[in-house]
Amino acid sequence: MEVTALVPAEVRVAPLFQELNRWQRLPFTWGETDCCLTLADWIMRVTGRDPAAHLRGLYESAAECQRLTGFLTDPVACFEDCFATIGDLPRRSDPVPGDVAVYRRAGERWPFGGVWTGQRWASKGRDGVTLLKPGYVATLAVWGVGYAG
């Protein structure tokens, strides 16, 4: 019996887009699959190190996340504290695909963590994945992950 591939061998989905498709299927759960812990999953996939191992499963709401990490009031420091656990990630002024960032969306008061696709910022949201053009966000900080898609 011959097995036929659903996706031809010449069509390869880059790991970044595989990860975004995985995010799309996950429920948004504080402390498990929120916008920052899915970024930590991505960083772990690329680097083999988990910058959020010390946070997983320790909070179940935005308020608990804030009390534990300070993310809502100082998201850059929160990310840098996490990255320090894996030896830091370099800051960048111009993102390349796969880099991660903290930003605020236009009209939103809360920060979000996202990954740069090369054209848009992608974040894990309550309804899957949100893709935003650069003009719709105020980037607070960008870190290189070392992805070579």
N, C-alpha and C. Protein backbone atom coordinates (compact mmCIF):
# COMPACT_ATOMS: atom_id res chain seq x y z
N MET A 1 0.84 -1.18 0.00
CA MET A 1 0.00 0.00 0.00
C MET A 1 0.89 1.24 0.00
N GLU A 2 0.65 2.15 -0.90
CA GLU A 2 1.43 3.38 -1.01
C GLU A 2 0.79 4.48 -0.17
N VAL A 3 1.62 5.18 0.57
CA VAL A 3 1.16 6.28 1.40
C VAL A 3 1.47 7.58 0.68
N THR A 4 0.47 8.42 0.53
CA THR A 4 0.66 9.70 -0.14
C THR A 4 0.69 10.80 0.91
N ALA A 5 1.70 11.65 0.82
CA ALA A 5 1.82 12.76 1.77
C ALA A 5 0.75 13.80 1.49
N LEU A 6 0.19 14.37 2.55
CA LEU A 6 -0.80 15.43 2.39
C LEU A 6 -0.14 16.73 1.94
N VAL A 7 1.09 16.92 2.34
CA VAL A 7 1.84 18.12 1.95
C VAL A 7 3.03 17.64 1.12
N PRO A 8 3.16 18.13 -0.11
CA PRO A 8 4.29 17.71 -0.94
C PRO A 8 5.62 17.99 -0.24
N ALA A 9 6.61 17.15 -0.49
CA ALA A 9 7.91 17.27 0.16
C ALA A 9 8.56 18.62 -0.09
N GLU A 10 8.30 19.24 -1.25
CA GLU A 10 8.93 20.52 -1.56
C GLU A 10 8.30 21.69 -0.80
N VAL A 11 7.16 21.45 -0.17
CA VAL A 11 6.52 22.49 0.63
C VAL A 11 6.92 22.28 2.09
N ARG A 12 7.67 23.20 2.62
CA ARG A 12 8.10 23.11 4.01
C ARG A 12 7.56 24.31 4.77
N VAL A 13 7.01 24.07 5.91
CA VAL A 13 6.52 25.15 6.74
C VAL A 13 7.63 25.49 7.73
N ALA A 14 8.04 26.75 7.71
CA ALA A 14 9.11 27.20 8.60
C ALA A 14 8.72 26.97 10.06
N PRO A 15 9.69 26.66 10.90
CA PRO A 15 9.39 26.43 12.32
C PRO A 15 8.62 27.58 12.98
N LEU A 16 8.90 28.82 12.60
CA LEU A 16 8.16 29.94 13.18
C LEU A 16 6.67 29.82 12.90
N PHE A 17 6.31 29.49 11.68
CA PHE A 17 4.89 29.39 11.35
C PHE A 17 4.27 28.11 11.89
N GLN A 18 5.06 27.07 12.07
CA GLN A 18 4.57 25.88 12.78
C GLN A 18 4.19 26.27 14.21
N GLU A 19 5.05 27.08 14.84
CA GLU A 19 4.78 27.51 16.21
C GLU A 19 3.53 28.37 16.28
N LEU A 20 3.37 29.29 15.34
CA LEU A 20 2.16 30.14 15.34
C LEU A 20 0.91 29.30 15.12
N ASN A 21 0.99 28.29 14.29
CA ASN A 21 -0.16 27.39 14.10
C ASN A 21 -0.46 26.62 15.37
N ARG A 22 0.57 26.24 16.11
CA ARG A 22 0.36 25.57 17.41
C ARG A 22 -0.35 26.51 18.37
N TRP A 23 0.11 27.78 18.42
CA TRP A 23 -0.52 28.76 19.30
C TRP A 23 -2.00 28.91 18.96
N GLN A 24 -2.30 28.90 17.67
CA GLN A 24 -3.68 29.10 17.22
C GLN A 24 -4.62 28.05 17.83
N ARG A 25 -4.12 26.84 18.00
CA ARG A 25 -4.95 25.75 18.51
C ARG A 25 -5.05 25.71 20.04
N LEU A 26 -4.17 26.44 20.72
CA LEU A 26 -4.15 26.40 22.19
C LEU A 26 -5.16 27.37 22.80
N PRO A 27 -5.78 27.00 23.90
CA PRO A 27 -6.61 27.96 24.62
C PRO A 27 -5.70 28.97 25.31
N PHE A 28 -6.18 30.17 25.53
CA PHE A 28 -5.43 31.15 26.30
C PHE A 28 -5.65 30.83 27.77
N THR A 29 -4.58 30.48 28.48
CA THR A 29 -4.67 30.14 29.89
C THR A 29 -3.53 30.84 30.62
N TRP A 30 -3.90 31.73 31.54
CA TRP A 30 -2.88 32.42 32.33
C TRP A 30 -2.00 31.40 33.03
N GLY A 31 -0.69 31.62 32.98
CA GLY A 31 0.27 30.76 33.65
C GLY A 31 0.62 29.50 32.89
N GLU A 32 -0.02 29.28 31.75
CA GLU A 32 0.27 28.09 30.93
C GLU A 32 0.50 28.46 29.47
N THR A 33 -0.51 29.10 28.87
CA THR A 33 -0.42 29.45 27.44
C THR A 33 -0.90 30.88 27.22
N ASP A 34 -0.34 31.81 27.97
CA ASP A 34 -0.65 33.22 27.77
C ASP A 34 0.35 33.79 26.76
N CYS A 35 0.27 35.08 26.49
CA CYS A 35 1.11 35.67 25.44
C CYS A 35 2.60 35.59 25.76
N CYS A 36 2.97 35.53 27.01
CA CYS A 36 4.39 35.47 27.37
C CYS A 36 4.91 34.05 27.47
N LEU A 37 4.12 33.14 28.00
CA LEU A 37 4.60 31.76 28.11
C LEU A 37 4.66 31.07 26.76
N THR A 38 3.81 31.47 25.81
CA THR A 38 3.96 30.92 24.46
C THR A 38 5.24 31.45 23.82
N LEU A 39 5.61 32.69 24.13
CA LEU A 39 6.90 33.21 23.65
C LEU A 39 8.04 32.42 24.26
N ALA A 40 7.92 32.10 25.54
CA ALA A 40 8.96 31.28 26.19
C ALA A 40 9.05 29.91 25.52
N ASP A 41 7.91 29.35 25.11
CA ASP A 41 7.92 28.09 24.36
C ASP A 41 8.73 28.26 23.07
N TRP A 42 8.51 29.37 22.37
CA TRP A 42 9.22 29.64 21.12
C TRP A 42 10.73 29.76 21.38
N ILE A 43 11.09 30.51 22.41
CA ILE A 43 12.51 30.67 22.74
C ILE A 43 13.13 29.31 23.09
N MET A 44 12.40 28.50 23.82
CA MET A 44 12.89 27.17 24.17
C MET A 44 13.06 26.32 22.91
N ARG A 45 12.15 26.45 21.96
CA ARG A 45 12.25 25.70 20.71
C ARG A 45 13.52 26.08 19.95
N VAL A 46 13.85 27.37 19.94
CA VAL A 46 15.00 27.86 19.19
C VAL A 46 16.31 27.62 19.94
N THR A 47 16.31 27.90 21.25
CA THR A 47 17.57 27.88 22.01
C THR A 47 17.77 26.62 22.84
N GLY A 48 16.70 25.90 23.10
CA GLY A 48 16.79 24.73 23.98
C GLY A 48 16.74 25.09 25.45
N ARG A 49 16.52 26.39 25.77
CA ARG A 49 16.48 26.84 27.16
C ARG A 49 15.15 27.55 27.43
N ASP A 50 14.55 27.29 28.56
CA ASP A 50 13.25 27.86 28.92
C ASP A 50 13.41 29.05 29.85
N PRO A 51 13.17 30.27 29.34
CA PRO A 51 13.32 31.45 30.20
C PRO A 51 12.21 31.62 31.22
N ALA A 52 11.17 30.82 31.13
CA ALA A 52 10.03 30.97 32.05
C ALA A 52 9.78 29.71 32.88
N ALA A 53 10.76 28.85 32.97
CA ALA A 53 10.57 27.61 33.73
C ALA A 53 10.14 27.89 35.16
N HIS A 54 10.65 28.96 35.74
CA HIS A 54 10.36 29.31 37.13
C HIS A 54 8.96 29.92 37.32
N LEU A 55 8.25 30.19 36.22
CA LEU A 55 6.93 30.83 36.32
C LEU A 55 5.77 29.91 35.93
N ARG A 56 6.06 28.86 35.23
CA ARG A 56 4.98 28.03 34.68
C ARG A 56 4.10 27.45 35.77
N GLY A 57 2.79 27.66 35.61
CA GLY A 57 1.81 27.12 36.54
C GLY A 57 1.68 27.88 37.86
N LEU A 58 2.34 29.03 37.99
CA LEU A 58 2.31 29.74 39.27
C LEU A 58 1.27 30.85 39.35
N TYR A 59 0.59 31.15 38.26
CA TYR A 59 -0.45 32.18 38.30
C TYR A 59 -1.61 31.78 37.41
N GLU A 60 -2.80 32.29 37.75
CA GLU A 60 -4.01 31.91 37.02
C GLU A 60 -4.84 33.09 36.56
N SER A 61 -4.29 34.30 36.72
CA SER A 61 -5.04 35.50 36.32
C SER A 61 -4.05 36.62 36.03
N ALA A 62 -4.56 37.68 35.44
CA ALA A 62 -3.72 38.86 35.18
C ALA A 62 -3.21 39.44 36.50
N ALA A 63 -4.07 39.49 37.51
CA ALA A 63 -3.67 40.05 38.80
C ALA A 63 -2.55 39.22 39.44
N GLU A 64 -2.67 37.89 39.39
CA GLU A 64 -1.62 37.04 39.94
C GLU A 64 -0.33 37.16 39.14
N CYS A 65 -0.45 37.28 37.83
CA CYS A 65 0.73 37.47 36.98
C CYS A 65 1.45 38.76 37.38
N GLN A 66 0.67 39.82 37.58
CA GLN A 66 1.26 41.10 37.97
C GLN A 66 1.95 41.01 39.33
N ARG A 67 1.29 40.39 40.30
CA ARG A 67 1.90 40.26 41.64
C ARG A 67 3.20 39.47 41.59
N LEU A 68 3.24 38.44 40.77
CA LEU A 68 4.41 37.56 40.71
C LEU A 68 5.54 38.13 39.86
N THR A 69 5.20 38.78 38.73
CA THR A 69 6.22 39.17 37.75
C THR A 69 6.36 40.67 37.53
N GLY A 70 5.32 41.44 37.84
CA GLY A 70 5.34 42.86 37.52
C GLY A 70 5.15 43.15 36.04
N PHE A 71 4.75 42.15 35.27
CA PHE A 71 4.66 42.29 33.81
C PHE A 71 3.79 43.45 33.36
N LEU A 72 2.66 43.64 33.98
CA LEU A 72 1.72 44.66 33.50
C LEU A 72 2.23 46.08 33.70
N THR A 73 3.05 46.31 34.72
CA THR A 73 3.57 47.66 34.97
C THR A 73 4.98 47.86 34.45
N ASP A 74 5.79 46.79 34.37
CA ASP A 74 7.16 46.91 33.85
C ASP A 74 7.50 45.66 33.04
N PRO A 75 6.90 45.55 31.85
CA PRO A 75 7.09 44.33 31.06
C PRO A 75 8.52 44.12 30.59
N VAL A 76 9.25 45.18 30.32
CA VAL A 76 10.63 45.03 29.87
C VAL A 76 11.48 44.39 30.96
N ALA A 77 11.36 44.86 32.18
CA ALA A 77 12.11 44.28 33.29
C ALA A 77 11.70 42.82 33.52
N CYS A 78 10.43 42.54 33.40
CA CYS A 78 9.95 41.16 33.56
C CYS A 78 10.62 40.24 32.54
N PHE A 79 10.63 40.65 31.27
CA PHE A 79 11.27 39.84 30.23
C PHE A 79 12.77 39.70 30.50
N GLU A 80 13.42 40.80 30.84
CA GLU A 80 14.86 40.73 31.08
C GLU A 80 15.20 39.82 32.26
N ASP A 81 14.37 39.84 33.30
CA ASP A 81 14.57 38.92 34.43
C ASP A 81 14.48 37.47 33.97
N CYS A 82 13.50 37.19 33.12
CA CYS A 82 13.35 35.83 32.60
C CYS A 82 14.53 35.45 31.71
N PHE A 83 14.95 36.36 30.85
CA PHE A 83 16.05 36.05 29.94
C PHE A 83 17.36 35.86 30.70
N ALA A 84 17.51 36.52 31.82
CA ALA A 84 18.72 36.36 32.64
C ALA A 84 18.86 34.92 33.14
N THR A 85 17.75 34.20 33.26
CA THR A 85 17.81 32.81 33.74
C THR A 85 18.42 31.88 32.70
N ILE A 86 18.49 32.32 31.45
CA ILE A 86 19.08 31.49 30.39
C ILE A 86 20.33 32.13 29.79
N GLY A 87 20.86 33.14 30.45
CA GLY A 87 22.07 33.77 29.97
C GLY A 87 21.85 35.00 29.12
N ASP A 88 20.66 35.57 29.20
CA ASP A 88 20.29 36.79 28.49
C ASP A 88 20.12 36.56 26.98
N LEU A 89 19.35 37.44 26.38
CA LEU A 89 19.18 37.52 24.92
C LEU A 89 19.57 38.93 24.52
N PRO A 90 20.19 39.09 23.36
CA PRO A 90 20.63 40.43 22.96
C PRO A 90 19.47 41.34 22.59
N ARG A 91 19.56 42.60 23.00
CA ARG A 91 18.56 43.60 22.60
C ARG A 91 18.86 44.01 21.17
N ARG A 92 17.79 44.34 20.43
CA ARG A 92 17.92 44.79 19.04
C ARG A 92 17.09 46.05 18.85
N SER A 93 17.51 46.86 17.88
CA SER A 93 16.69 48.01 17.51
C SER A 93 15.80 47.66 16.32
N ASP A 94 16.26 46.78 15.46
CA ASP A 94 15.47 46.34 14.30
C ASP A 94 15.28 44.83 14.37
N PRO A 95 14.04 44.38 14.47
CA PRO A 95 13.81 42.94 14.59
C PRO A 95 14.06 42.18 13.29
N VAL A 96 14.45 40.93 13.45
CA VAL A 96 14.52 39.99 12.34
C VAL A 96 13.53 38.88 12.65
N PRO A 97 13.06 38.14 11.64
CA PRO A 97 12.07 37.10 11.90
C PRO A 97 12.50 36.16 13.03
N GLY A 98 11.55 35.93 13.93
CA GLY A 98 11.78 35.06 15.07
C GLY A 98 12.13 35.80 16.34
N ASP A 99 12.49 37.08 16.23
CA ASP A 99 12.80 37.87 17.43
C ASP A 99 11.52 38.10 18.24
N VAL A 100 11.69 38.33 19.53
CA VAL A 100 10.56 38.56 20.42
C VAL A 100 10.58 39.99 20.93
N ALA A 101 9.42 40.47 21.34
CA ALA A 101 9.31 41.84 21.82
C ALA A 101 8.19 41.97 22.83
N VAL A 102 8.24 43.09 23.52
CA VAL A 102 7.13 43.55 24.34
C VAL A 102 6.63 44.82 23.68
N TYR A 103 5.32 44.93 23.54
CA TYR A 103 4.74 46.12 22.91
C TYR A 103 3.36 46.38 23.45
N ARG A 104 2.89 47.58 23.16
CA ARG A 104 1.50 47.94 23.46
C ARG A 104 0.79 48.15 22.14
N ARG A 105 -0.39 47.60 22.05
CA ARG A 105 -1.22 47.82 20.87
C ARG A 105 -1.89 49.17 20.98
N ALA A 106 -2.12 49.79 19.85
CA ALA A 106 -2.80 51.08 19.82
C ALA A 106 -4.13 50.97 20.55
N GLY A 107 -4.39 51.88 21.47
CA GLY A 107 -5.64 51.90 22.20
C GLY A 107 -5.72 50.94 23.37
N GLU A 108 -4.68 50.16 23.63
CA GLU A 108 -4.67 49.20 24.74
C GLU A 108 -3.75 49.70 25.84
N ARG A 109 -4.12 49.46 27.08
CA ARG A 109 -3.23 49.89 28.17
C ARG A 109 -2.29 48.79 28.62
N TRP A 110 -2.63 47.51 28.32
CA TRP A 110 -1.80 46.40 28.75
C TRP A 110 -0.74 46.09 27.71
N PRO A 111 0.42 45.65 28.16
CA PRO A 111 1.47 45.22 27.22
C PRO A 111 1.19 43.80 26.74
N PHE A 112 1.85 43.44 25.67
CA PHE A 112 1.75 42.11 25.10
C PHE A 112 3.15 41.64 24.72
N GLY A 113 3.35 40.35 24.73
CA GLY A 113 4.57 39.77 24.19
C GLY A 113 4.26 39.24 22.81
N GLY A 114 5.19 39.41 21.88
CA GLY A 114 4.96 38.94 20.52
C GLY A 114 6.25 38.52 19.84
N VAL A 115 6.09 37.88 18.69
CA VAL A 115 7.21 37.44 17.86
C VAL A 115 7.09 38.10 16.49
N TRP A 116 8.22 38.52 15.93
CA TRP A 116 8.26 39.18 14.64
C TRP A 116 8.28 38.14 13.53
N THR A 117 7.32 38.24 12.60
CA THR A 117 7.25 37.28 11.49
C THR A 117 8.04 37.73 10.28
N GLY A 118 8.50 38.93 10.28
CA GLY A 118 9.16 39.52 9.12
C GLY A 118 8.31 40.61 8.52
N GLN A 119 7.00 40.57 8.79
CA GLN A 119 6.08 41.58 8.30
C GLN A 119 5.13 42.10 9.38
N ARG A 120 4.85 41.25 10.37
CA ARG A 120 3.90 41.61 11.41
C ARG A 120 4.35 41.03 12.75
N TRP A 121 3.79 41.60 13.82
CA TRP A 121 3.97 41.07 15.16
C TRP A 121 2.86 40.06 15.42
N ALA A 122 3.20 38.91 15.95
CA ALA A 122 2.22 37.87 16.26
C ALA A 122 2.21 37.63 17.77
N SER A 123 1.02 37.61 18.36
CA SER A 123 0.85 37.35 19.78
C SER A 123 -0.20 36.27 19.99
N LYS A 124 -0.02 35.51 21.05
CA LYS A 124 -1.05 34.57 21.47
C LYS A 124 -2.12 35.39 22.17
N GLY A 125 -3.35 35.28 21.69
CA GLY A 125 -4.46 36.01 22.30
C GLY A 125 -5.56 35.07 22.72
N ARG A 126 -6.60 35.63 23.25
CA ARG A 126 -7.73 34.83 23.71
C ARG A 126 -8.41 34.07 22.58
N ASP A 127 -8.35 34.62 21.37
CA ASP A 127 -9.02 33.98 20.23
C ASP A 127 -8.03 33.41 19.22
N GLY A 128 -6.89 32.94 19.68
CA GLY A 128 -5.90 32.36 18.78
C GLY A 128 -4.66 33.22 18.69
N VAL A 129 -4.31 33.60 17.47
CA VAL A 129 -3.12 34.42 17.23
C VAL A 129 -3.55 35.74 16.61
N THR A 130 -3.02 36.82 17.15
CA THR A 130 -3.27 38.15 16.62
C THR A 130 -2.04 38.60 15.85
N LEU A 131 -2.24 39.05 14.62
CA LEU A 131 -1.16 39.57 13.79
C LEU A 131 -1.37 41.07 13.61
N LEU A 132 -0.35 41.85 13.92
CA LEU A 132 -0.47 43.30 13.85
C LEU A 132 0.66 43.91 13.03
N LYS A 133 0.31 44.87 12.18
CA LYS A 133 1.31 45.62 11.44
C LYS A 133 2.11 46.47 12.42
N PRO A 134 3.37 46.75 12.10
CA PRO A 134 4.21 47.53 13.01
C PRO A 134 3.60 48.87 13.41
N GLY A 135 2.88 49.52 12.52
CA GLY A 135 2.28 50.81 12.84
C GLY A 135 1.18 50.76 13.88
N TYR A 136 0.70 49.58 14.22
CA TYR A 136 -0.37 49.43 15.20
C TYR A 136 0.13 49.12 16.61
N VAL A 137 1.45 49.09 16.77
CA VAL A 137 2.02 48.81 18.09
C VAL A 137 3.12 49.81 18.42
N ALA A 138 3.29 50.02 19.71
CA ALA A 138 4.42 50.79 20.21
C ALA A 138 5.37 49.77 20.84
N THR A 139 6.48 49.50 20.17
CA THR A 139 7.43 48.51 20.65
C THR A 139 8.22 49.08 21.82
N LEU A 140 8.24 48.36 22.94
CA LEU A 140 8.97 48.78 24.13
C LEU A 140 10.39 48.22 24.14
N ALA A 141 10.58 47.00 23.65
CA ALA A 141 11.90 46.37 23.58
C ALA A 141 11.82 45.15 22.69
N VAL A 142 12.93 44.87 22.01
CA VAL A 142 13.05 43.71 21.10
C VAL A 142 14.31 42.94 21.49
N TRP A 143 14.21 41.61 21.49
CA TRP A 143 15.35 40.75 21.80
C TRP A 143 15.56 39.74 20.67
N GLY A 144 16.81 39.51 20.33
CA GLY A 144 17.15 38.49 19.35
C GLY A 144 17.09 37.12 19.97
N VAL A 145 16.56 36.18 19.21
CA VAL A 145 16.42 34.81 19.69
C VAL A 145 17.44 33.88 19.03
N GLY A 146 17.94 34.30 17.86
CA GLY A 146 18.90 33.45 17.14
C GLY A 146 18.26 32.51 16.16
N TYR A 147 17.01 32.80 15.78
CA TYR A 147 16.29 31.96 14.82
C TYR A 147 16.85 32.17 13.43
N ALA A 148 17.08 31.10 12.73
CA ALA A 148 17.56 31.17 11.34
C ALA A 148 16.62 30.33 10.48
N GLY A 149 15.42 30.88 10.25
CA GLY A 149 14.37 30.17 9.54
C GLY A 149 14.69 29.96 8.13
